[in-house]
Structures are given as C-alpha cells and as structure tokens.
Amino acid sequence: MATYLTFIGSRCHAYRLQVADENFARESLQLFTIGLWKLNGDGTHVLDGAGARVPTYTERDLFSFARVWTGFEQQARSKPRPIPLCP
C-alpha cells in the first residue's frame, strides 16, 4: 500500500525544501478514518449557517498529517532466526 499511496520515500520540508507528499495522508483521512464531511448522529451532513456542508479537516490539518508520514523507506527482509527453546 505504501508504494501505491506514495508515502515511501516522502521527505519533509526541512529535508528537501518541498512539502511532504499528501497522497497517503489525504487517502487515510478520506477513506479510512473521518471522511470528507462532518455528520450528525443520524448520518445527515452537518451544515453551516449558509447551508453548506462542513468539512472534517482543513488543508492545514492535511499538511500536518502528511508530515507524520515522512522518512519511511522499504527495508530489506530479515532472515528468520531460530528461537531457542527453554530447558
């Protein structure tokens, strides 16, 4: 999944002077956790004063969450070691 959603090899701003890759962060927020819109207990959308749907997160939230998913690299597989038996 990390390969397809591109958080492997993502770097933070301090490392390469670019913003972190937001792809995995955005998909995590939208698909796996809180979704796009705030919902009432009955499943209907929460609406603001103008009648527009209220988003669950802002671009600033997304930027901050993307920074968490930086610095991951694919590791080589380790060789299995025998487990010692207790006497």
C-alpha atoms as a PDB file:
ATOM      1  CA  MET A   1       0.000   0.000   0.000  1.00  0.00           C
ATOM      2  CA  ALA A   2       2.859   2.384   0.794  1.00  0.00           C
ATOM      3  CA  THR A   3       4.137   2.073  -2.754  1.00  0.00           C
ATOM      4  CA  TYR A   4       0.794   2.887  -4.351  1.00  0.00           C
ATOM      5  CA  LEU A   5      -0.060   5.733  -1.983  1.00  0.00           C
ATOM      6  CA  THR A   6       3.483   7.129  -2.218  1.00  0.00           C
ATOM      7  CA  PHE A   7       4.490   7.719   1.374  1.00  0.00           C
ATOM      8  CA  ILE A   8       7.609   5.568   0.936  1.00  0.00           C
ATOM      9  CA  GLY A   9      10.449   7.988   0.278  1.00  0.00           C
ATOM     10  CA  SER A  10       8.425  11.104   1.143  1.00  0.00           C
ATOM     11  CA  ARG A  11      10.542  13.780   2.788  1.00  0.00           C
ATOM     12  CA  CYS A  12       9.679  16.750   4.953  1.00  0.00           C
ATOM     13  CA  HIS A  13      10.234  20.384   4.039  1.00  0.00           C
ATOM     14  CA  ALA A  14      13.386  20.653   6.146  1.00  0.00           C
ATOM     15  CA  TYR A  15      14.975  17.738   4.276  1.00  0.00           C
ATOM     16  CA  ARG A  16      14.393  18.671   0.632  1.00  0.00           C
ATOM     17  CA  LEU A  17      12.646  22.090   0.743  1.00  0.00           C
ATOM     18  CA  GLN A  18       9.369  20.721  -0.629  1.00  0.00           C
ATOM     19  CA  VAL A  19       6.112  19.966   1.096  1.00  0.00           C
ATOM     20  CA  ALA A  20       5.579  16.373   2.168  1.00  0.00           C
ATOM     21  CA  ASP A  21       3.649  14.105  -0.192  1.00  0.00           C
ATOM     22  CA  GLU A  22      -0.006  14.482   0.828  1.00  0.00           C
ATOM     23  CA  ASN A  23      -1.361  11.490  -1.102  1.00  0.00           C
ATOM     24  CA  PHE A  24      -1.307   8.923   1.721  1.00  0.00           C
ATOM     25  CA  ALA A  25      -2.426  11.456   4.325  1.00  0.00           C
ATOM     26  CA  ARG A  26      -5.394  12.529   2.194  1.00  0.00           C
ATOM     27  CA  GLU A  27      -6.451   8.939   1.443  1.00  0.00           C
ATOM     28  CA  SER A  28      -6.132   7.988   5.116  1.00  0.00           C
ATOM     29  CA  LEU A  29      -8.343  10.858   6.200  1.00  0.00           C
ATOM     30  CA  GLN A  30     -10.925  10.415   3.450  1.00  0.00           C
ATOM     31  CA  LEU A  31     -11.209   6.648   3.143  1.00  0.00           C
ATOM     32  CA  PHE A  32     -10.047   5.042   6.364  1.00  0.00           C
ATOM     33  CA  THR A  33     -10.927   7.432   9.178  1.00  0.00           C
ATOM     34  CA  ILE A  34     -13.150  10.519   9.264  1.00  0.00           C
ATOM     35  CA  GLY A  35     -14.337  11.072   5.679  1.00  0.00           C
ATOM     36  CA  LEU A  36     -14.886  14.382   3.894  1.00  0.00           C
ATOM     37  CA  TRP A  37     -17.866  15.868   5.734  1.00  0.00           C
ATOM     38  CA  LYS A  38     -18.969  16.109   9.358  1.00  0.00           C
ATOM     39  CA  LEU A  39     -22.087  14.068  10.029  1.00  0.00           C
ATOM     40  CA  ASN A  40     -24.896  14.270  12.559  1.00  0.00           C
ATOM     41  CA  GLY A  41     -25.773  11.251  14.682  1.00  0.00           C
ATOM     42  CA  ASP A  42     -28.448  10.238  12.150  1.00  0.00           C
ATOM     43  CA  GLY A  43     -25.952  10.260   9.245  1.00  0.00           C
ATOM     44  CA  THR A  44     -27.063  13.538   7.672  1.00  0.00           C
ATOM     45  CA  HIS A  45     -24.494  16.235   6.879  1.00  0.00           C
ATOM     46  CA  VAL A  46     -23.715  18.967   9.399  1.00  0.00           C
ATOM     47  CA  LEU A  47     -24.495  22.288   7.713  1.00  0.00           C
ATOM     48  CA  ASP A  48     -23.039  25.722   8.432  1.00  0.00           C
ATOM     49  CA  GLY A  49     -25.057  28.949   8.632  1.00  0.00           C
ATOM     50  CA  ALA A  50     -25.136  29.268   4.838  1.00  0.00           C
ATOM     51  CA  GLY A  51     -26.402  25.705   4.368  1.00  0.00           C
ATOM     52  CA  ALA A  52     -23.075  24.329   3.091  1.00  0.00           C
ATOM     53  CA  ARG A  53     -21.634  21.036   4.320  1.00  0.00           C
ATOM     54  CA  VAL A  54     -18.921  21.340   6.994  1.00  0.00           C
ATOM     55  CA  PRO A  55     -15.604  19.622   6.120  1.00  0.00           C
ATOM     56  CA  THR A  56     -13.961  17.329   8.666  1.00  0.00           C
ATOM     57  CA  TYR A  57     -10.450  18.706   8.147  1.00  0.00           C
ATOM     58  CA  THR A  58      -8.666  21.730   6.684  1.00  0.00           C
ATOM     59  CA  GLU A  59      -5.685  21.972   4.329  1.00  0.00           C
ATOM     60  CA  ARG A  60      -3.559  22.857   7.373  1.00  0.00           C
ATOM     61  CA  ASP A  61      -4.661  19.607   9.062  1.00  0.00           C
ATOM     62  CA  LEU A  62      -3.747  17.682   5.914  1.00  0.00           C
ATOM     63  CA  PHE A  63      -0.326  19.351   5.692  1.00  0.00           C
ATOM     64  CA  SER A  64       0.400  18.488   9.331  1.00  0.00           C
ATOM     65  CA  PHE A  65      -0.773  14.881   8.925  1.00  0.00           C
ATOM     66  CA  ALA A  66       1.370  14.469   5.785  1.00  0.00           C
ATOM     67  CA  ARG A  67       4.455  15.491   7.762  1.00  0.00           C
ATOM     68  CA  VAL A  68       3.900  12.475  10.029  1.00  0.00           C
ATOM     69  CA  TRP A  69       4.258  10.108   7.061  1.00  0.00           C
ATOM     70  CA  THR A  70       7.755  11.178   6.019  1.00  0.00           C
ATOM     71  CA  GLY A  71      11.040   9.325   6.291  1.00  0.00           C
ATOM     72  CA  PHE A  72       9.752   5.805   5.645  1.00  0.00           C
ATOM     73  CA  GLU A  73      11.856   3.574   3.402  1.00  0.00           C
ATOM     74  CA  GLN A  74      11.469  -0.014   2.241  1.00  0.00           C
ATOM     75  CA  GLN A  75      13.603  -2.264   4.442  1.00  0.00           C
ATOM     76  CA  ALA A  76      15.329  -5.434   3.332  1.00  0.00           C
ATOM     77  CA  ARG A  77      13.707  -8.609   4.557  1.00  0.00           C
ATOM     78  CA  SER A  78      15.383 -10.075   7.611  1.00  0.00           C
ATOM     79  CA  LYS A  79      16.435 -13.688   7.747  1.00  0.00           C
ATOM     80  CA  PRO A  80      14.495 -15.780  10.238  1.00  0.00           C
ATOM     81  CA  ARG A  81      16.490 -16.781  13.296  1.00  0.00           C
ATOM     82  CA  PRO A  82      15.823 -19.979  15.213  1.00  0.00           C
ATOM     83  CA  ILE A  83      14.052 -19.425  18.514  1.00  0.00           C
ATOM     84  CA  PRO A  84      15.938 -21.030  21.401  1.00  0.00           C
ATOM     85  CA  LEU A  85      13.914 -23.497  23.405  1.00  0.00           C
ATOM     86  CA  CYS A  86      13.665 -23.122  27.159  1.00  0.00           C
ATOM     87  CA  PRO A  87      15.253 -26.033  29.090  1.00  0.00           C
END
